[in-house]
C-alpha atoms as a PDB file:
ATOM      1  CA  MET A   1      -1.970  11.831   8.924  1.00  0.00           C
ATOM      2  CA  SER A   2       1.203  13.708   7.879  1.00  0.00           C
ATOM      3  CA  VAL A   3       2.073  17.190   9.129  1.00  0.00           C
ATOM      4  CA  GLU A   4       1.487  18.615   5.651  1.00  0.00           C
ATOM      5  CA  ALA A   5      -1.979  17.045   5.495  1.00  0.00           C
ATOM      6  CA  GLU A   6      -2.864  18.419   8.915  1.00  0.00           C
ATOM      7  CA  LYS A   7      -1.916  21.910   7.751  1.00  0.00           C
ATOM      8  CA  LEU A   8      -4.047  21.569   4.657  1.00  0.00           C
ATOM      9  CA  ASP A   9      -7.013  20.274   6.675  1.00  0.00           C
ATOM     10  CA  GLY A  10      -6.707  22.707   9.577  1.00  0.00           C
ATOM     11  CA  VAL A  11      -4.603  25.829   9.979  1.00  0.00           C
ATOM     12  CA  GLU A  12      -4.090  26.852   6.378  1.00  0.00           C
ATOM     13  CA  PRO A  13      -7.791  26.760   5.347  1.00  0.00           C
ATOM     14  CA  ARG A  14      -8.652  28.833   8.415  1.00  0.00           C
ATOM     15  CA  LEU A  15      -5.985  31.410   7.600  1.00  0.00           C
ATOM     16  CA  VAL A  16      -7.129  31.603   3.986  1.00  0.00           C
ATOM     17  CA  ALA A  17     -10.702  32.099   5.200  1.00  0.00           C
ATOM     18  CA  LEU A  18      -9.567  34.788   7.646  1.00  0.00           C
ATOM     19  CA  PHE A  19      -7.633  36.729   5.003  1.00  0.00           C
ATOM     20  CA  THR A  20     -10.564  36.419   2.596  1.00  0.00           C
ATOM     21  CA  VAL A  21     -13.043  37.738   5.154  1.00  0.00           C
ATOM     22  CA  VAL A  22     -10.808  40.656   6.185  1.00  0.00           C
ATOM     23  CA  ALA A  23     -10.222  41.595   2.544  1.00  0.00           C
ATOM     24  CA  CYS A  24     -13.952  41.465   1.780  1.00  0.00           C
ATOM     25  CA  ILE A  25     -14.816  43.615   4.808  1.00  0.00           C
ATOM     26  CA  ALA A  26     -12.211  46.236   3.892  1.00  0.00           C
ATOM     27  CA  THR A  27     -13.350  46.355   0.274  1.00  0.00           C
ATOM     28  CA  ALA A  28     -17.031  46.473   1.175  1.00  0.00           C
ATOM     29  CA  ALA A  29     -16.431  49.192   3.775  1.00  0.00           C
ATOM     30  CA  ALA A  30     -14.837  51.492   1.225  1.00  0.00           C
ATOM     31  CA  ALA A  31     -17.412  50.765  -1.485  1.00  0.00           C
ATOM     32  CA  ILE A  32     -20.462  51.174   0.754  1.00  0.00           C
ATOM     33  CA  GLN A  33     -19.136  54.353   2.362  1.00  0.00           C
ATOM     34  CA  VAL A  34     -18.424  55.983  -0.988  1.00  0.00           C
ATOM     35  CA  GLU A  35     -21.519  54.820  -2.865  1.00  0.00           C
ATOM     36  CA  MET A  36     -24.173  54.759  -0.113  1.00  0.00           C
ATOM     37  CA  GLY A  37     -22.839  56.739   2.836  1.00  0.00           C
ATOM     38  CA  PRO A  38     -22.481  56.139   6.592  1.00  0.00           C
ATOM     39  CA  LEU A  39     -26.187  55.378   7.008  1.00  0.00           C
ATOM     40  CA  PHE A  40     -25.509  51.985   5.415  1.00  0.00           C
ATOM     41  CA  ALA A  41     -21.780  51.624   6.047  1.00  0.00           C
ATOM     42  CA  LEU A  42     -22.062  51.802   9.834  1.00  0.00           C
ATOM     43  CA  PRO A  43     -24.600  48.983  10.381  1.00  0.00           C
ATOM     44  CA  ILE A  44     -23.352  46.721   7.564  1.00  0.00           C
ATOM     45  CA  VAL A  45     -19.612  47.048   8.164  1.00  0.00           C
ATOM     46  CA  GLY A  46     -20.158  47.179  11.906  1.00  0.00           C
ATOM     47  CA  SER A  47     -22.060  43.888  11.785  1.00  0.00           C
ATOM     48  CA  ALA A  48     -19.342  42.315   9.644  1.00  0.00           C
ATOM     49  CA  THR A  49     -16.662  43.449  12.096  1.00  0.00           C
ATOM     50  CA  VAL A  50     -18.530  42.227  15.177  1.00  0.00           C
ATOM     51  CA  ALA A  51     -19.138  38.893  13.428  1.00  0.00           C
ATOM     52  CA  LEU A  52     -15.409  38.673  12.635  1.00  0.00           C
ATOM     53  CA  LEU A  53     -14.452  39.252  16.273  1.00  0.00           C
ATOM     54  CA  ALA A  54     -17.019  36.721  17.507  1.00  0.00           C
ATOM     55  CA  TRP A  55     -15.801  34.171  14.959  1.00  0.00           C
ATOM     56  CA  LEU A  56     -12.164  34.652  16.013  1.00  0.00           C
ATOM     57  CA  LYS A  57     -13.113  34.157  19.667  1.00  0.00           C
ATOM     58  CA  THR A  58     -15.162  31.013  19.065  1.00  0.00           C
ATOM     59  CA  SER A  59     -15.387  28.654  16.109  1.00  0.00           C
ATOM     60  CA  PHE A  60     -12.265  29.952  14.357  1.00  0.00           C
ATOM     61  CA  ARG A  61     -10.227  28.461  17.193  1.00  0.00           C
ATOM     62  CA  ARG A  62     -12.563  25.651  18.175  1.00  0.00           C
ATOM     63  CA  PRO A  63     -14.707  24.501  15.248  1.00  0.00           C
ATOM     64  CA  GLY A  64     -18.077  23.172  16.398  1.00  0.00           C
ATOM     65  CA  GLU A  65     -20.706  21.085  14.675  1.00  0.00           C
ATOM     66  CA  PRO A  66     -22.019  23.118  11.719  1.00  0.00           C
ATOM     67  CA  ALA A  67     -25.132  21.002  11.218  1.00  0.00           C
ATOM     68  CA  ARG A  68     -26.452  21.990  14.653  1.00  0.00           C
ATOM     69  CA  GLY A  69     -27.069  25.581  13.582  1.00  0.00           C
ATOM     70  CA  THR A  70     -28.480  24.883  10.137  1.00  0.00           C
ATOM     71  CA  VAL A  71     -32.158  25.131  11.098  1.00  0.00           C
ATOM     72  CA  LEU A  72     -31.668  28.468  12.846  1.00  0.00           C
ATOM     73  CA  TYR A  73     -29.540  29.654   9.932  1.00  0.00           C
ATOM     74  CA  ILE A  74     -32.274  28.953   7.390  1.00  0.00           C
ATOM     75  CA  ALA A  75     -34.957  30.360   9.684  1.00  0.00           C
ATOM     76  CA  ALA A  76     -32.995  33.598  10.085  1.00  0.00           C
ATOM     77  CA  ILE A  77     -32.734  34.002   6.300  1.00  0.00           C
ATOM     78  CA  VAL A  78     -36.493  33.532   5.986  1.00  0.00           C
ATOM     79  CA  ALA A  79     -37.123  36.027   8.809  1.00  0.00           C
ATOM     80  CA  LEU A  80     -34.980  38.640   7.064  1.00  0.00           C
ATOM     81  CA  MET A  81     -36.814  38.061   3.790  1.00  0.00           C
ATOM     82  CA  LEU A  82     -40.143  38.597   5.550  1.00  0.00           C
ATOM     83  CA  GLU A  83     -38.799  41.755   7.153  1.00  0.00           C
ATOM     84  CA  HIS A  84     -37.706  43.078   3.758  1.00  0.00           C
ATOM     85  CA  ALA A  85     -41.127  42.250   2.327  1.00  0.00           C
ATOM     86  CA  THR A  86     -42.711  44.273   5.120  1.00  0.00           C
ATOM     87  CA  GLN A  87     -40.360  47.171   4.406  1.00  0.00           C
ATOM     88  CA  TRP A  88     -41.172  47.069   0.717  1.00  0.00           C
ATOM     89  CA  ARG A  89     -44.912  46.963   1.367  1.00  0.00           C
ATOM     90  CA  SER A  90     -44.748  49.890   3.787  1.00  0.00           C
ATOM     91  CA  ARG A  91     -42.440  51.939   1.514  1.00  0.00           C
ATOM     92  CA  ALA A  92     -39.697  51.997   4.137  1.00  0.00           C
ATOM     93  CA  PRO A  93     -37.087  53.514   1.768  1.00  0.00           C
ATOM     94  CA  ASP A  94     -39.105  56.738   1.581  1.00  0.00           C
ATOM     95  CA  LEU A  95     -39.198  56.906   5.384  1.00  0.00           C
ATOM     96  CA  VAL A  96     -35.458  56.222   5.621  1.00  0.00           C
ATOM     97  CA  MET A  97     -34.694  59.090   3.243  1.00  0.00           C
ATOM     98  CA  GLN A  98     -36.911  61.410   5.281  1.00  0.00           C
ATOM     99  CA  VAL A  99     -35.452  60.475   8.643  1.00  0.00           C
ATOM    100  CA  ALA A 100     -31.754  60.189   7.759  1.00  0.00           C
ATOM    101  CA  ARG A 101     -31.216  62.059   4.500  1.00  0.00           C
ATOM    102  CA  GLY A 102     -28.012  63.696   5.762  1.00  0.00           C
ATOM    103  CA  TRP A 103     -26.413  60.290   6.378  1.00  0.00           C
ATOM    104  CA  VAL A 104     -26.412  59.088   2.777  1.00  0.00           C
ATOM    105  CA  ALA A 105     -23.741  59.705   0.156  1.00  0.00           C
ATOM    106  CA  PRO A 106     -24.236  62.716  -2.150  1.00  0.00           C
ATOM    107  CA  GLY A 107     -26.418  61.748  -5.071  1.00  0.00           C
ATOM    108  CA  PHE A 108     -27.459  58.399  -3.593  1.00  0.00           C
ATOM    109  CA  VAL A 109     -31.178  57.727  -3.299  1.00  0.00           C
ATOM    110  CA  PHE A 110     -32.429  54.793  -1.273  1.00  0.00           C
ATOM    111  CA  ASN A 111     -35.555  53.577  -3.065  1.00  0.00           C
ATOM    112  CA  GLU A 112     -37.595  50.413  -3.444  1.00  0.00           C
ATOM    113  CA  ARG A 113     -35.384  49.143  -6.257  1.00  0.00           C
ATOM    114  CA  THR A 114     -32.311  49.334  -4.038  1.00  0.00           C
ATOM    115  CA  LEU A 115     -34.174  47.639  -1.210  1.00  0.00           C
ATOM    116  CA  VAL A 116     -35.220  44.746  -3.435  1.00  0.00           C
ATOM    117  CA  VAL A 117     -31.962  44.276  -5.342  1.00  0.00           C
ATOM    118  CA  VAL A 118     -29.480  44.740  -2.493  1.00  0.00           C
ATOM    119  CA  PHE A 119     -31.339  43.581   0.592  1.00  0.00           C
ATOM    120  CA  ALA A 120     -34.296  41.429  -0.464  1.00  0.00           C
ATOM    121  CA  ILE A 121     -32.412  39.515  -3.197  1.00  0.00           C
ATOM    122  CA  GLY A 122     -28.685  40.124  -2.754  1.00  0.00           C
ATOM    123  CA  SER A 123     -28.324  39.438   0.958  1.00  0.00           C
ATOM    124  CA  PRO A 124     -30.337  36.157   0.995  1.00  0.00           C
ATOM    125  CA  ALA A 125     -28.313  34.950  -1.997  1.00  0.00           C
ATOM    126  CA  LEU A 126     -25.085  35.745  -0.141  1.00  0.00           C
ATOM    127  CA  PHE A 127     -26.258  33.969   3.005  1.00  0.00           C
ATOM    128  CA  LEU A 128     -27.451  30.944   1.061  1.00  0.00           C
ATOM    129  CA  LEU A 129     -23.983  30.676  -0.451  1.00  0.00           C
ATOM    130  CA  GLY A 130     -22.579  30.931   3.055  1.00  0.00           C
ATOM    131  CA  GLY A 131     -24.917  28.149   4.155  1.00  0.00           C
ATOM    132  CA  PHE A 132     -23.394  25.884   1.515  1.00  0.00           C
ATOM    133  CA  PHE A 133     -19.971  26.350   3.103  1.00  0.00           C
ATOM    134  CA  LEU A 134     -21.457  26.045   6.587  1.00  0.00           C
ATOM    135  CA  VAL A 135     -22.967  22.591   6.068  1.00  0.00           C
ATOM    136  CA  ARG A 136     -19.721  21.440   4.436  1.00  0.00           C
ATOM    137  CA  GLY A 137     -17.793  22.449   7.547  1.00  0.00           C
ATOM    138  CA  ARG A 138     -15.717  25.161   5.870  1.00  0.00           C
ATOM    139  CA  PRO A 139     -14.264  27.937   8.068  1.00  0.00           C
ATOM    140  CA  VAL A 140     -15.789  30.705   5.964  1.00  0.00           C
ATOM    141  CA  GLY A 141     -19.182  29.094   6.561  1.00  0.00           C
ATOM    142  CA  ASP A 142     -18.720  29.578  10.304  1.00  0.00           C
ATOM    143  CA  TYR A 143     -18.057  33.259   9.696  1.00  0.00           C
ATOM    144  CA  MET A 144     -21.134  33.588   7.499  1.00  0.00           C
ATOM    145  CA  ALA A 145     -23.222  32.073  10.271  1.00  0.00           C
ATOM    146  CA  TRP A 146     -21.936  34.665  12.716  1.00  0.00           C
ATOM    147  CA  LEU A 147     -22.529  37.401  10.156  1.00  0.00           C
ATOM    148  CA  LEU A 148     -26.108  36.279   9.568  1.00  0.00           C
ATOM    149  CA  PHE A 149     -27.009  36.164  13.249  1.00  0.00           C
ATOM    150  CA  VAL A 150     -25.292  39.462  14.090  1.00  0.00           C
ATOM    151  CA  TRP A 151     -26.946  41.126  11.093  1.00  0.00           C
ATOM    152  CA  SER A 152     -30.318  39.695  12.155  1.00  0.00           C
ATOM    153  CA  LEU A 153     -29.940  41.460  15.503  1.00  0.00           C
ATOM    154  CA  VAL A 154     -28.931  44.732  13.851  1.00  0.00           C
ATOM    155  CA  ALA A 155     -31.674  44.498  11.212  1.00  0.00           C
ATOM    156  CA  GLY A 156     -34.243  43.802  13.913  1.00  0.00           C
ATOM    157  CA  VAL A 157     -33.187  46.889  15.874  1.00  0.00           C
ATOM    158  CA  LEU A 158     -33.225  49.071  12.751  1.00  0.00           C
ATOM    159  CA  GLN A 159     -36.674  47.782  11.858  1.00  0.00           C
ATOM    160  CA  GLY A 160     -37.849  48.671  15.350  1.00  0.00           C
ATOM    161  CA  VAL A 161     -36.464  52.197  14.971  1.00  0.00           C
ATOM    162  CA  LEU A 162     -38.320  52.592  11.684  1.00  0.00           C
ATOM    163  CA  ALA A 163     -41.502  51.387  13.333  1.00  0.00           C
ATOM    164  CA  LEU A 164     -41.221  54.142  15.950  1.00  0.00           C
ATOM    165  CA  HIS A 165     -41.153  56.756  13.180  1.00  0.00           C
ATOM    166  CA  ARG A 166     -44.419  55.562  11.647  1.00  0.00           C
ATOM    167  CA  SER A 167     -47.267  58.031  11.916  1.00  0.00           C
ATOM    168  CA  ASP A 168     -50.061  55.442  11.994  1.00  0.00           C
ATOM    169  CA  ALA A 169     -50.727  52.878  14.701  1.00  0.00           C
ATOM    170  CA  LEU A 170     -51.088  50.001  12.238  1.00  0.00           C
ATOM    171  CA  GLY A 171     -47.726  50.796  10.644  1.00  0.00           C
ATOM    172  CA  MET A 172     -46.076  50.932  14.048  1.00  0.00           C
ATOM    173  CA  ALA A 173     -47.582  47.608  15.088  1.00  0.00           C
ATOM    174  CA  THR A 174     -46.685  45.887  11.809  1.00  0.00           C
ATOM    175  CA  GLY A 175     -43.147  47.232  11.880  1.00  0.00           C
ATOM    176  CA  ALA A 176     -42.655  46.215  15.496  1.00  0.00           C
ATOM    177  CA  ALA A 177     -43.932  42.705  14.777  1.00  0.00           C
ATOM    178  CA  ALA A 178     -41.570  42.341  11.804  1.00  0.00           C
ATOM    179  CA  CYS A 179     -38.536  43.124  13.958  1.00  0.00           C
ATOM    180  CA  LEU A 180     -39.150  40.341  16.488  1.00  0.00           C
ATOM    181  CA  PRO A 181     -38.273  37.200  14.447  1.00  0.00           C
ATOM    182  CA  PRO A 182     -34.821  38.489  13.364  1.00  0.00           C
ATOM    183  CA  LEU A 183     -34.062  39.582  16.918  1.00  0.00           C
ATOM    184  CA  ILE A 184     -35.075  36.254  18.430  1.00  0.00           C
ATOM    185  CA  LEU A 185     -33.380  34.098  15.790  1.00  0.00           C
ATOM    186  CA  GLY A 186     -30.253  36.246  15.851  1.00  0.00           C
ATOM    187  CA  ALA A 187     -29.917  35.837  19.610  1.00  0.00           C
ATOM    188  CA  LEU A 188     -30.640  32.092  19.506  1.00  0.00           C
ATOM    189  CA  GLY A 189     -28.262  31.546  16.606  1.00  0.00           C
ATOM    190  CA  ALA A 190     -25.412  33.466  18.218  1.00  0.00           C
ATOM    191  CA  ARG A 191     -25.844  31.490  21.422  1.00  0.00           C
ATOM    192  CA  ARG A 192     -25.912  28.234  19.500  1.00  0.00           C
ATOM    193  CA  LEU A 193     -22.655  29.086  17.716  1.00  0.00           C
ATOM    194  CA  ALA A 194     -20.967  30.100  20.952  1.00  0.00           C
ATOM    195  CA  SER A 195     -22.173  26.960  22.748  1.00  0.00           C
ATOM    196  CA  SER A 196     -21.178  24.689  19.889  1.00  0.00           C
ATOM    197  CA  SER A 197     -17.612  25.979  19.954  1.00  0.00           C
ATOM    198  CA  GLY A 198     -17.360  25.714  23.745  1.00  0.00           C
ATOM    199  CA  ALA A 199     -17.378  29.454  24.447  1.00  0.00           C
ATOM    200  CA  LEU A 200     -20.623  29.089  26.394  1.00  0.00           C
ATOM    201  CA  PRO A 201     -21.981  26.155  28.389  1.00  0.00           C
ATOM    202  CA  GLU A 202     -24.563  24.052  26.613  1.00  0.00           C
ATOM    203  CA  PRO A 203     -28.134  24.969  27.622  1.00  0.00           C
ATOM    204  CA  VAL A 204     -29.647  22.506  30.042  1.00  0.00           C
ATOM    205  CA  THR A 205     -32.651  20.709  28.590  1.00  0.00           C
ATOM    206  CA  PRO A 206     -35.163  18.920  30.837  1.00  0.00           C
END
């Protein structure tokens, strides 16, 4: 293979993916902060930044085997969808506005429509698109995998915090149960990505 072909197949696609991810994070950070406020900007942009750093330390330098994390990737998307369904059923947006009203942008109201459009529909669609690039071995797909698993951990913690603010025992129990699958799958997925790229030793199986 020629030097030019190696650049096209290796370094240059990774750099393009890196610049694309950084540009998207910067743009999203400004838009979310202005339109929704720090209540949403901190966890979303923070997750994207942590995922970027993890990606740069692992599969950006040492690409692994994308197919190995596909099952966990799909399972994490499903877990997040179930969590959002639980939040919609329990009217979580109303609770969020009560607990953290001062952390939203002026004039912004977090309601069930926003929950469904942005989180229940928009985020799974984004991650499914990322899964397409992941199974095709594209660098941006590796980043999306990190983003999904980091966000699963953050979403699980936030769901747990909401559960603690429920006034009824059933709501607390349901909310706590909904936070467990994203937490577990996020941790397993992050470990799988790190192991696949050589950043962590492979787990020993009997």
